[in-house]
C-alpha atoms as a PDB file:
ATOM      1  CA  MET A   1     -62.926 102.048  23.096  1.00  0.00           C
ATOM      2  CA  GLU A   2     -59.362 102.979  22.163  1.00  0.00           C
ATOM      3  CA  LYS A   3     -58.157 102.066  18.663  1.00  0.00           C
ATOM      4  CA  TRP A   4     -54.701 100.732  17.856  1.00  0.00           C
ATOM      5  CA  ASP A   5     -52.995  99.829  14.611  1.00  0.00           C
ATOM      6  CA  LEU A   6     -51.288  96.861  16.250  1.00  0.00           C
ATOM      7  CA  ILE A   7     -51.849  95.009  19.521  1.00  0.00           C
ATOM      8  CA  ILE A   8     -49.293  92.424  20.625  1.00  0.00           C
ATOM      9  CA  VAL A   9     -50.250  89.792  23.190  1.00  0.00           C
ATOM     10  CA  GLY A  10     -47.159  88.938  25.210  1.00  0.00           C
ATOM     11  CA  ALA A  11     -44.279  91.109  26.430  1.00  0.00           C
ATOM     12  CA  GLY A  12     -41.449  88.603  26.255  1.00  0.00           C
ATOM     13  CA  ALA A  13     -38.503  88.887  23.874  1.00  0.00           C
ATOM     14  CA  ALA A  14     -40.658  88.050  20.823  1.00  0.00           C
ATOM     15  CA  GLY A  15     -43.428  90.489  21.736  1.00  0.00           C
ATOM     16  CA  LEU A  16     -41.037  93.327  22.525  1.00  0.00           C
ATOM     17  CA  THR A  17     -39.148  92.759  19.270  1.00  0.00           C
ATOM     18  CA  ALA A  18     -42.430  92.831  17.337  1.00  0.00           C
ATOM     19  CA  GLY A  19     -43.327  96.037  19.167  1.00  0.00           C
ATOM     20  CA  ILE A  20     -40.106  97.726  18.073  1.00  0.00           C
ATOM     21  CA  TYR A  21     -40.692  96.758  14.435  1.00  0.00           C
ATOM     22  CA  GLY A  22     -44.327  97.826  14.582  1.00  0.00           C
ATOM     23  CA  ALA A  23     -43.606 101.233  16.073  1.00  0.00           C
ATOM     24  CA  ARG A  24     -40.715 101.880  13.686  1.00  0.00           C
ATOM     25  CA  SER A  25     -43.097 101.127  10.826  1.00  0.00           C
ATOM     26  CA  GLY A  26     -45.313 103.949  12.026  1.00  0.00           C
ATOM     27  CA  LEU A  27     -47.962 101.795  13.706  1.00  0.00           C
ATOM     28  CA  LYS A  28     -49.649 102.849  16.915  1.00  0.00           C
ATOM     29  CA  THR A  29     -48.638  99.830  18.989  1.00  0.00           C
ATOM     30  CA  LEU A  30     -49.833  98.365  22.290  1.00  0.00           C
ATOM     31  CA  ILE A  31     -48.314  95.371  24.089  1.00  0.00           C
ATOM     32  CA  LEU A  32     -50.353  93.471  26.702  1.00  0.00           C
ATOM     33  CA  ASP A  33     -49.095  90.894  29.190  1.00  0.00           C
ATOM     34  CA  GLU A  34     -50.739  89.268  32.190  1.00  0.00           C
ATOM     35  CA  LYS A  35     -47.369  89.220  33.965  1.00  0.00           C
ATOM     36  CA  GLN A  36     -44.300  91.406  34.266  1.00  0.00           C
ATOM     37  CA  ALA A  37     -42.841  92.470  30.926  1.00  0.00           C
ATOM     38  CA  GLY A  38     -39.676  90.673  29.885  1.00  0.00           C
ATOM     39  CA  GLY A  39     -40.939  87.109  29.989  1.00  0.00           C
ATOM     40  CA  THR A  40     -38.514  84.410  31.054  1.00  0.00           C
ATOM     41  CA  LEU A  41     -35.585  86.737  30.377  1.00  0.00           C
ATOM     42  CA  ILE A  42     -36.028  88.396  33.752  1.00  0.00           C
ATOM     43  CA  ILE A  43     -35.222  85.215  35.685  1.00  0.00           C
ATOM     44  CA  ILE A  44     -32.201  84.186  33.599  1.00  0.00           C
ATOM     45  CA  PRO A  45     -29.074  85.013  35.628  1.00  0.00           C
ATOM     46  CA  TRP A  46     -26.708  85.457  32.671  1.00  0.00           C
ATOM     47  CA  VAL A  47     -27.087  85.451  28.882  1.00  0.00           C
ATOM     48  CA  GLU A  48     -23.946  84.730  26.862  1.00  0.00           C
ATOM     49  CA  ASN A  49     -25.392  83.931  23.433  1.00  0.00           C
ATOM     50  CA  TYR A  50     -27.145  87.203  22.553  1.00  0.00           C
ATOM     51  CA  PRO A  51     -25.443  89.204  19.765  1.00  0.00           C
ATOM     52  CA  GLY A  52     -23.882  92.496  20.788  1.00  0.00           C
ATOM     53  CA  PHE A  53     -22.896  91.431  24.301  1.00  0.00           C
ATOM     54  CA  PRO A  54     -19.517  89.680  23.929  1.00  0.00           C
ATOM     55  CA  ASP A  55     -19.039  89.520  27.700  1.00  0.00           C
ATOM     56  CA  GLY A  56     -22.635  88.483  28.387  1.00  0.00           C
ATOM     57  CA  VAL A  57     -25.474  90.349  30.060  1.00  0.00           C
ATOM     58  CA  SER A  58     -27.966  89.510  32.790  1.00  0.00           C
ATOM     59  CA  GLY A  59     -31.401  88.502  31.559  1.00  0.00           C
ATOM     60  CA  GLU A  60     -32.956  91.237  33.667  1.00  0.00           C
ATOM     61  CA  GLU A  61     -30.709  93.898  32.117  1.00  0.00           C
ATOM     62  CA  LEU A  62     -31.388  92.633  28.587  1.00  0.00           C
ATOM     63  CA  ALA A  63     -35.145  92.738  29.205  1.00  0.00           C
ATOM     64  CA  LYS A  64     -34.824  96.246  30.649  1.00  0.00           C
ATOM     65  CA  ARG A  65     -32.993  97.424  27.531  1.00  0.00           C
ATOM     66  CA  MET A  66     -35.644  95.899  25.278  1.00  0.00           C
ATOM     67  CA  LEU A  67     -38.374  97.646  27.266  1.00  0.00           C
ATOM     68  CA  ASN A  68     -36.564 100.983  27.096  1.00  0.00           C
ATOM     69  CA  GLN A  69     -36.092 100.591  23.346  1.00  0.00           C
ATOM     70  CA  CYS A  70     -39.799  99.849  22.874  1.00  0.00           C
ATOM     71  CA  ARG A  71     -40.810 102.888  24.894  1.00  0.00           C
ATOM     72  CA  ARG A  72     -38.321 105.103  23.050  1.00  0.00           C
ATOM     73  CA  PHE A  73     -40.194 104.301  19.835  1.00  0.00           C
ATOM     74  CA  GLY A  74     -43.540 105.050  21.474  1.00  0.00           C
ATOM     75  CA  VAL A  75     -44.797 101.535  22.197  1.00  0.00           C
ATOM     76  CA  GLU A  76     -47.301 101.446  25.057  1.00  0.00           C
ATOM     77  CA  ILE A  77     -46.824  98.455  27.366  1.00  0.00           C
ATOM     78  CA  HIS A  78     -49.489  97.288  29.825  1.00  0.00           C
ATOM     79  CA  GLU A  79     -48.139  94.818  32.373  1.00  0.00           C
ATOM     80  CA  PHE A  80     -50.426  92.645  34.523  1.00  0.00           C
ATOM     81  CA  GLU A  81     -53.292  93.069  32.059  1.00  0.00           C
ATOM     82  CA  GLY A  82     -54.188  89.652  30.733  1.00  0.00           C
ATOM     83  CA  VAL A  83     -56.136  89.103  27.517  1.00  0.00           C
ATOM     84  CA  GLU A  84     -59.380  87.227  28.169  1.00  0.00           C
ATOM     85  CA  GLU A  85     -60.977  87.149  24.713  1.00  0.00           C
ATOM     86  CA  LEU A  86     -60.268  88.048  21.090  1.00  0.00           C
ATOM     87  CA  ARG A  87     -63.110  88.850  18.676  1.00  0.00           C
ATOM     88  CA  LEU A  88     -61.899  88.659  15.096  1.00  0.00           C
ATOM     89  CA  ASP A  89     -65.139  88.713  13.102  1.00  0.00           C
ATOM     90  CA  SER A  90     -65.104  92.368  12.009  1.00  0.00           C
ATOM     91  CA  GLU A  91     -62.812  94.866  10.286  1.00  0.00           C
ATOM     92  CA  TYR A  92     -61.443  95.970  13.645  1.00  0.00           C
ATOM     93  CA  LYS A  93     -60.495  93.147  15.988  1.00  0.00           C
ATOM     94  CA  ILE A  94     -61.691  93.457  19.584  1.00  0.00           C
ATOM     95  CA  VAL A  95     -59.297  92.616  22.411  1.00  0.00           C
ATOM     96  CA  GLU A  96     -60.923  92.138  25.805  1.00  0.00           C
ATOM     97  CA  THR A  97     -58.636  92.204  28.846  1.00  0.00           C
ATOM     98  CA  SER A  98     -59.036  92.027  32.594  1.00  0.00           C
ATOM     99  CA  LEU A  99     -59.139  95.843  32.691  1.00  0.00           C
ATOM    100  CA  ALA A 100     -60.464  97.203  29.380  1.00  0.00           C
ATOM    101  CA  ASN A 101     -61.457  96.561  25.766  1.00  0.00           C
ATOM    102  CA  TYR A 102     -59.415  97.690  22.746  1.00  0.00           C
ATOM    103  CA  MET A 103     -59.828  97.782  18.967  1.00  0.00           C
ATOM    104  CA  ALA A 104     -56.992  96.799  16.648  1.00  0.00           C
ATOM    105  CA  GLU A 105     -56.421  96.522  12.918  1.00  0.00           C
ATOM    106  CA  SER A 106     -53.890  93.748  13.492  1.00  0.00           C
ATOM    107  CA  ILE A 107     -52.981  91.408  16.358  1.00  0.00           C
ATOM    108  CA  ILE A 108     -49.772  89.473  16.968  1.00  0.00           C
ATOM    109  CA  ILE A 109     -49.864  86.564  19.418  1.00  0.00           C
ATOM    110  CA  ALA A 110     -46.495  86.286  21.179  1.00  0.00           C
ATOM    111  CA  SER A 111     -47.679  84.728  24.413  1.00  0.00           C
ATOM    112  CA  GLY A 112     -44.958  82.092  24.688  1.00  0.00           C
ATOM    113  CA  SER A 113     -45.280  78.406  25.425  1.00  0.00           C
ATOM    114  CA  ARG A 114     -47.399  76.506  27.921  1.00  0.00           C
ATOM    115  CA  HIS A 115     -45.997  75.003  31.089  1.00  0.00           C
ATOM    116  CA  LYS A 116     -45.230  71.305  30.824  1.00  0.00           C
ATOM    117  CA  LYS A 117     -47.054  69.256  33.453  1.00  0.00           C
ATOM    118  CA  LEU A 118     -45.924  65.986  35.011  1.00  0.00           C
ATOM    119  CA  GLY A 119     -49.309  64.281  34.920  1.00  0.00           C
ATOM    120  CA  VAL A 120     -48.902  62.637  38.319  1.00  0.00           C
ATOM    121  CA  PRO A 121     -51.491  62.143  41.099  1.00  0.00           C
ATOM    122  CA  GLY A 122     -51.877  65.214  43.293  1.00  0.00           C
ATOM    123  CA  GLU A 123     -50.520  67.676  40.741  1.00  0.00           C
ATOM    124  CA  GLU A 124     -53.858  69.252  39.847  1.00  0.00           C
ATOM    125  CA  GLU A 125     -55.064  69.057  43.449  1.00  0.00           C
ATOM    126  CA  PHE A 126     -52.128  71.051  44.808  1.00  0.00           C
ATOM    127  CA  GLU A 127     -51.680  73.507  41.945  1.00  0.00           C
ATOM    128  CA  GLY A 128     -51.454  76.932  43.542  1.00  0.00           C
ATOM    129  CA  ARG A 129     -51.022  75.319  46.949  1.00  0.00           C
ATOM    130  CA  GLY A 130     -47.414  74.218  46.727  1.00  0.00           C
ATOM    131  CA  VAL A 131     -47.249  73.141  43.080  1.00  0.00           C
ATOM    132  CA  SER A 132     -46.148  75.944  40.755  1.00  0.00           C
ATOM    133  CA  TYR A 133     -45.004  76.261  37.144  1.00  0.00           C
ATOM    134  CA  CYS A 134     -43.403  79.705  37.409  1.00  0.00           C
ATOM    135  CA  ALA A 135     -40.470  80.320  39.730  1.00  0.00           C
ATOM    136  CA  LEU A 136     -40.560  84.047  39.048  1.00  0.00           C
ATOM    137  CA  CYS A 137     -44.287  84.379  39.694  1.00  0.00           C
ATOM    138  CA  ASP A 138     -44.493  82.265  42.845  1.00  0.00           C
ATOM    139  CA  GLY A 139     -40.951  82.137  44.211  1.00  0.00           C
ATOM    140  CA  ALA A 140     -41.695  84.528  47.063  1.00  0.00           C
ATOM    141  CA  PHE A 141     -44.252  82.062  48.462  1.00  0.00           C
ATOM    142  CA  PHE A 142     -41.456  79.552  49.028  1.00  0.00           C
ATOM    143  CA  ARG A 143     -39.108  81.873  50.888  1.00  0.00           C
ATOM    144  CA  GLY A 144     -37.324  79.948  53.634  1.00  0.00           C
ATOM    145  CA  LEU A 145     -38.819  76.594  52.571  1.00  0.00           C
ATOM    146  CA  ARG A 146     -37.367  73.486  50.941  1.00  0.00           C
ATOM    147  CA  VAL A 147     -38.206  73.347  47.233  1.00  0.00           C
ATOM    148  CA  LEU A 148     -38.014  70.617  44.590  1.00  0.00           C
ATOM    149  CA  VAL A 149     -37.617  71.603  40.937  1.00  0.00           C
ATOM    150  CA  VAL A 150     -38.294  68.902  38.319  1.00  0.00           C
ATOM    151  CA  GLY A 151     -36.411  68.781  35.025  1.00  0.00           C
ATOM    152  CA  GLY A 152     -32.967  68.819  33.502  1.00  0.00           C
ATOM    153  CA  GLY A 153     -33.070  71.523  30.836  1.00  0.00           C
ATOM    154  CA  ASN A 154     -32.341  75.236  30.885  1.00  0.00           C
ATOM    155  CA  THR A 155     -35.745  76.222  32.262  1.00  0.00           C
ATOM    156  CA  ALA A 156     -35.459  73.887  35.250  1.00  0.00           C
ATOM    157  CA  ALA A 157     -31.873  74.942  35.938  1.00  0.00           C
ATOM    158  CA  ILE A 158     -32.682  78.651  35.719  1.00  0.00           C
ATOM    159  CA  SER A 159     -35.675  78.185  38.034  1.00  0.00           C
ATOM    160  CA  ALA A 160     -33.561  76.302  40.580  1.00  0.00           C
ATOM    161  CA  ILE A 161     -30.865  78.996  40.479  1.00  0.00           C
ATOM    162  CA  TYR A 162     -33.465  81.724  40.990  1.00  0.00           C
ATOM    163  CA  LEU A 163     -35.141  79.866  43.863  1.00  0.00           C
ATOM    164  CA  ALA A 164     -31.789  79.275  45.570  1.00  0.00           C
ATOM    165  CA  ASN A 165     -31.880  82.969  46.508  1.00  0.00           C
ATOM    166  CA  LEU A 166     -35.200  82.494  48.313  1.00  0.00           C
ATOM    167  CA  ALA A 167     -35.606  78.930  49.563  1.00  0.00           C
ATOM    168  CA  SER A 168     -33.761  77.344  52.479  1.00  0.00           C
ATOM    169  CA  LYS A 169     -32.798  74.416  50.237  1.00  0.00           C
ATOM    170  CA  VAL A 170     -33.366  73.611  46.568  1.00  0.00           C
ATOM    171  CA  TYR A 171     -33.351  70.115  45.047  1.00  0.00           C
ATOM    172  CA  LEU A 172     -33.363  69.450  41.310  1.00  0.00           C
ATOM    173  CA  ALA A 173     -34.858  66.075  40.319  1.00  0.00           C
ATOM    174  CA  HIS A 174     -33.846  64.750  36.902  1.00  0.00           C
ATOM    175  CA  ARG A 175     -34.786  61.387  35.463  1.00  0.00           C
ATOM    176  CA  ARG A 176     -31.416  60.917  33.760  1.00  0.00           C
ATOM    177  CA  ASP A 177     -27.799  60.927  34.928  1.00  0.00           C
ATOM    178  CA  GLN A 178     -26.820  64.055  33.011  1.00  0.00           C
ATOM    179  CA  LEU A 179     -28.398  67.503  32.635  1.00  0.00           C
ATOM    180  CA  ARG A 180     -29.466  68.890  29.271  1.00  0.00           C
ATOM    181  CA  ALA A 181     -28.947  72.438  30.554  1.00  0.00           C
ATOM    182  CA  ASP A 182     -26.119  74.582  29.203  1.00  0.00           C
ATOM    183  CA  ASP A 183     -22.827  74.223  31.048  1.00  0.00           C
ATOM    184  CA  ILE A 184     -22.997  77.736  32.487  1.00  0.00           C
ATOM    185  CA  TYR A 185     -26.228  76.867  34.300  1.00  0.00           C
ATOM    186  CA  SER A 186     -24.858  73.523  35.483  1.00  0.00           C
ATOM    187  CA  ARG A 187     -21.905  75.334  37.054  1.00  0.00           C
ATOM    188  CA  ASP A 188     -24.181  77.913  38.641  1.00  0.00           C
ATOM    189  CA  LEU A 189     -26.324  75.168  40.206  1.00  0.00           C
ATOM    190  CA  ALA A 190     -23.267  73.886  42.054  1.00  0.00           C
ATOM    191  CA  LEU A 191     -22.236  77.380  43.130  1.00  0.00           C
ATOM    192  CA  ARG A 192     -25.727  78.043  44.544  1.00  0.00           C
ATOM    193  CA  GLY A 193     -25.757  74.789  46.513  1.00  0.00           C
ATOM    194  CA  VAL A 194     -28.574  73.165  44.537  1.00  0.00           C
ATOM    195  CA  GLU A 195     -28.617  69.416  45.217  1.00  0.00           C
ATOM    196  CA  ILE A 196     -29.273  67.326  42.107  1.00  0.00           C
ATOM    197  CA  LEU A 197     -31.224  64.084  42.491  1.00  0.00           C
ATOM    198  CA  TRP A 198     -30.086  61.955  39.555  1.00  0.00           C
ATOM    199  CA  ASN A 199     -32.207  59.201  37.970  1.00  0.00           C
ATOM    200  CA  THR A 200     -35.215  60.453  39.899  1.00  0.00           C
ATOM    201  CA  GLU A 201     -38.832  60.676  38.754  1.00  0.00           C
ATOM    202  CA  VAL A 202     -41.776  62.171  40.600  1.00  0.00           C
ATOM    203  CA  ARG A 203     -44.461  59.534  41.089  1.00  0.00           C
ATOM    204  CA  ARG A 204     -46.905  61.480  43.245  1.00  0.00           C
END
């Protein structure tokens, strides 16, 4: 069983940043993620509020730079290797994944937030069969189809923009008459032909 000074669960912006700090502190560092490294950054079309990029940068490019910086400092990154169990009752913590087991002196959990569910009839029944919580993960399944995205914040807007490149038509249902998303995403929704359904709630 391979030993590490530091194992980080999650390869989004927080996990990659922790990896850089860990490696620069001289720690043998491993980052694990059940999905593609980069987290939600890789589906964000354009980032304008990150220091050091006065003209903005695509989320995908920013994630790529973070990954390259991690690897330059010797961080090992395992994508598509989800953590299934943590055992913390001994000097060395045990991290069990879908592919292997590891030992670590320290663990950082940077796995991000949980998907918000609607809690409507049929949601659980059709999860994975038309109902999805990750545009990046499942977008390819909806290629050429009509898709409804629910929400009015940045995450919903970014998902709708991403899906507009794949689906035949994208609708965005929002229960209010104004989006909470940043203006740049609101403009991009219009440019991509996303139709917004105002004052609309999903009942079933």
